[in-house]
Amino acid sequence: MRVIGNIPHPKMSISIFSMNDKYQIKFEAGPMEQIYKIAHSEVNGLEGIQKIIDEEFLEKIMNCFNEMYLSFKEAKERNH
């Protein structure tokens, strides 16, 4: 797996990898991460990936991170 790019964002790290005819788009915020995989044939390289990662998609990613955080926090509180 090799890193082919990073997309700057103030609240999370966005890295793009290439491996086995697929791109992996990795979003990291604190202790959580989300990874999306897409075939090379579905997009036109890094440029095509950057078009997919628009403001609407990024907002959904952040909402998912918030849900993940709250779910994990609740689980920890139940077990302490």
C-alpha atoms as a PDB file:
ATOM      1  CA  MET A   1       0.000   0.000   0.000  1.00  0.00           C
ATOM      2  CA  ARG A   2       1.378   3.376  -0.892  1.00  0.00           C
ATOM      3  CA  VAL A   3       0.251   6.884  -0.013  1.00  0.00           C
ATOM      4  CA  ILE A   4      -0.692   8.846  -3.112  1.00  0.00           C
ATOM      5  CA  GLY A   5      -1.959  11.986  -1.438  1.00  0.00           C
ATOM      6  CA  ASN A   6      -3.350  13.882   1.521  1.00  0.00           C
ATOM      7  CA  ILE A   7      -6.200  16.352   1.594  1.00  0.00           C
ATOM      8  CA  PRO A   8      -5.867  19.117   4.168  1.00  0.00           C
ATOM      9  CA  HIS A   9      -8.741  19.556   6.625  1.00  0.00           C
ATOM     10  CA  PRO A  10      -8.836  21.451   9.935  1.00  0.00           C
ATOM     11  CA  LYS A  11     -10.630  18.742  11.959  1.00  0.00           C
ATOM     12  CA  MET A  12      -9.406  15.452  10.530  1.00  0.00           C
ATOM     13  CA  SER A  13      -6.647  13.782   8.604  1.00  0.00           C
ATOM     14  CA  ILE A  14      -7.508  12.598   5.083  1.00  0.00           C
ATOM     15  CA  SER A  15      -5.075  10.200   3.401  1.00  0.00           C
ATOM     16  CA  ILE A  16      -5.413   8.429   0.074  1.00  0.00           C
ATOM     17  CA  PHE A  17      -3.699   5.108  -0.553  1.00  0.00           C
ATOM     18  CA  SER A  18      -3.403   2.863  -3.593  1.00  0.00           C
ATOM     19  CA  MET A  19      -3.345  -0.919  -3.284  1.00  0.00           C
ATOM     20  CA  ASN A  20      -4.486  -3.861  -5.422  1.00  0.00           C
ATOM     21  CA  ASP A  21      -6.366  -1.831  -8.059  1.00  0.00           C
ATOM     22  CA  LYS A  22      -8.247   0.083  -5.360  1.00  0.00           C
ATOM     23  CA  TYR A  23      -7.926   3.431  -3.698  1.00  0.00           C
ATOM     24  CA  GLN A  24      -8.456   3.639   0.041  1.00  0.00           C
ATOM     25  CA  ILE A  25      -9.637   6.965   1.400  1.00  0.00           C
ATOM     26  CA  LYS A  26      -8.848   7.115   5.118  1.00  0.00           C
ATOM     27  CA  PHE A  27     -10.379   9.715   7.420  1.00  0.00           C
ATOM     28  CA  GLU A  28      -8.984  10.002  10.958  1.00  0.00           C
ATOM     29  CA  ALA A  29     -10.300  12.067  13.862  1.00  0.00           C
ATOM     30  CA  GLY A  30      -8.902  11.410  17.320  1.00  0.00           C
ATOM     31  CA  PRO A  31      -8.987   7.667  18.071  1.00  0.00           C
ATOM     32  CA  MET A  32     -11.466   6.920  15.270  1.00  0.00           C
ATOM     33  CA  GLU A  33     -11.085   6.251  11.579  1.00  0.00           C
ATOM     34  CA  GLN A  34     -13.258   5.588   8.563  1.00  0.00           C
ATOM     35  CA  ILE A  35     -11.980   3.940   5.399  1.00  0.00           C
ATOM     36  CA  TYR A  36     -13.695   3.929   2.026  1.00  0.00           C
ATOM     37  CA  LYS A  37     -12.497   1.799  -0.872  1.00  0.00           C
ATOM     38  CA  ILE A  38     -13.055   2.541  -4.535  1.00  0.00           C
ATOM     39  CA  ALA A  39     -11.791   0.765  -7.650  1.00  0.00           C
ATOM     40  CA  HIS A  40      -9.185   2.560  -9.752  1.00  0.00           C
ATOM     41  CA  SER A  41     -11.533   2.180 -12.733  1.00  0.00           C
ATOM     42  CA  GLU A  42     -14.296   4.185 -10.987  1.00  0.00           C
ATOM     43  CA  VAL A  43     -12.383   7.453 -10.682  1.00  0.00           C
ATOM     44  CA  ASN A  44      -9.739   9.418 -12.523  1.00  0.00           C
ATOM     45  CA  GLY A  45      -6.919   9.191  -9.970  1.00  0.00           C
ATOM     46  CA  LEU A  46      -6.427  11.644  -7.143  1.00  0.00           C
ATOM     47  CA  GLU A  47      -8.323  14.334  -9.044  1.00  0.00           C
ATOM     48  CA  GLY A  48     -11.414  12.127  -9.265  1.00  0.00           C
ATOM     49  CA  ILE A  49     -11.222  11.266  -5.579  1.00  0.00           C
ATOM     50  CA  GLN A  50     -10.975  14.932  -4.636  1.00  0.00           C
ATOM     51  CA  LYS A  51     -14.195  15.605  -6.575  1.00  0.00           C
ATOM     52  CA  ILE A  52     -16.022  12.944  -4.537  1.00  0.00           C
ATOM     53  CA  ILE A  53     -14.825  14.464  -1.261  1.00  0.00           C
ATOM     54  CA  ASP A  54     -16.966  17.571  -1.427  1.00  0.00           C
ATOM     55  CA  GLU A  55     -18.368  19.645   1.462  1.00  0.00           C
ATOM     56  CA  GLU A  56     -21.566  17.594   1.678  1.00  0.00           C
ATOM     57  CA  PHE A  57     -19.631  14.323   1.955  1.00  0.00           C
ATOM     58  CA  LEU A  58     -17.228  15.809   4.516  1.00  0.00           C
ATOM     59  CA  GLU A  59     -20.178  16.952   6.631  1.00  0.00           C
ATOM     60  CA  LYS A  60     -21.539  13.391   6.611  1.00  0.00           C
ATOM     61  CA  ILE A  61     -18.109  12.052   7.575  1.00  0.00           C
ATOM     62  CA  MET A  62     -17.972  14.453  10.544  1.00  0.00           C
ATOM     63  CA  ASN A  63     -21.510  13.471  11.601  1.00  0.00           C
ATOM     64  CA  CYS A  64     -20.477   9.825  11.503  1.00  0.00           C
ATOM     65  CA  PHE A  65     -17.415  10.591  13.644  1.00  0.00           C
ATOM     66  CA  ASN A  66     -19.663  12.344  16.163  1.00  0.00           C
ATOM     67  CA  GLU A  67     -21.971   9.300  16.307  1.00  0.00           C
ATOM     68  CA  MET A  68     -18.974   6.990  16.684  1.00  0.00           C
ATOM     69  CA  TYR A  69     -17.618   9.127  19.533  1.00  0.00           C
ATOM     70  CA  LEU A  70     -20.947   9.199  21.380  1.00  0.00           C
ATOM     71  CA  SER A  71     -21.488   5.443  20.941  1.00  0.00           C
ATOM     72  CA  PHE A  72     -18.027   4.643  22.258  1.00  0.00           C
ATOM     73  CA  LYS A  73     -18.391   7.081  25.161  1.00  0.00           C
ATOM     74  CA  GLU A  74     -21.719   5.479  26.161  1.00  0.00           C
ATOM     75  CA  ALA A  75     -20.228   1.991  25.945  1.00  0.00           C
ATOM     76  CA  LYS A  76     -17.308   2.986  28.184  1.00  0.00           C
ATOM     77  CA  GLU A  77     -19.652   4.609  30.718  1.00  0.00           C
ATOM     78  CA  ARG A  78     -21.835   1.478  30.894  1.00  0.00           C
ATOM     79  CA  ASN A  79     -18.810  -0.658  31.682  1.00  0.00           C
ATOM     80  CA  HIS A  80     -17.118   1.457  34.354  1.00  0.00           C
END
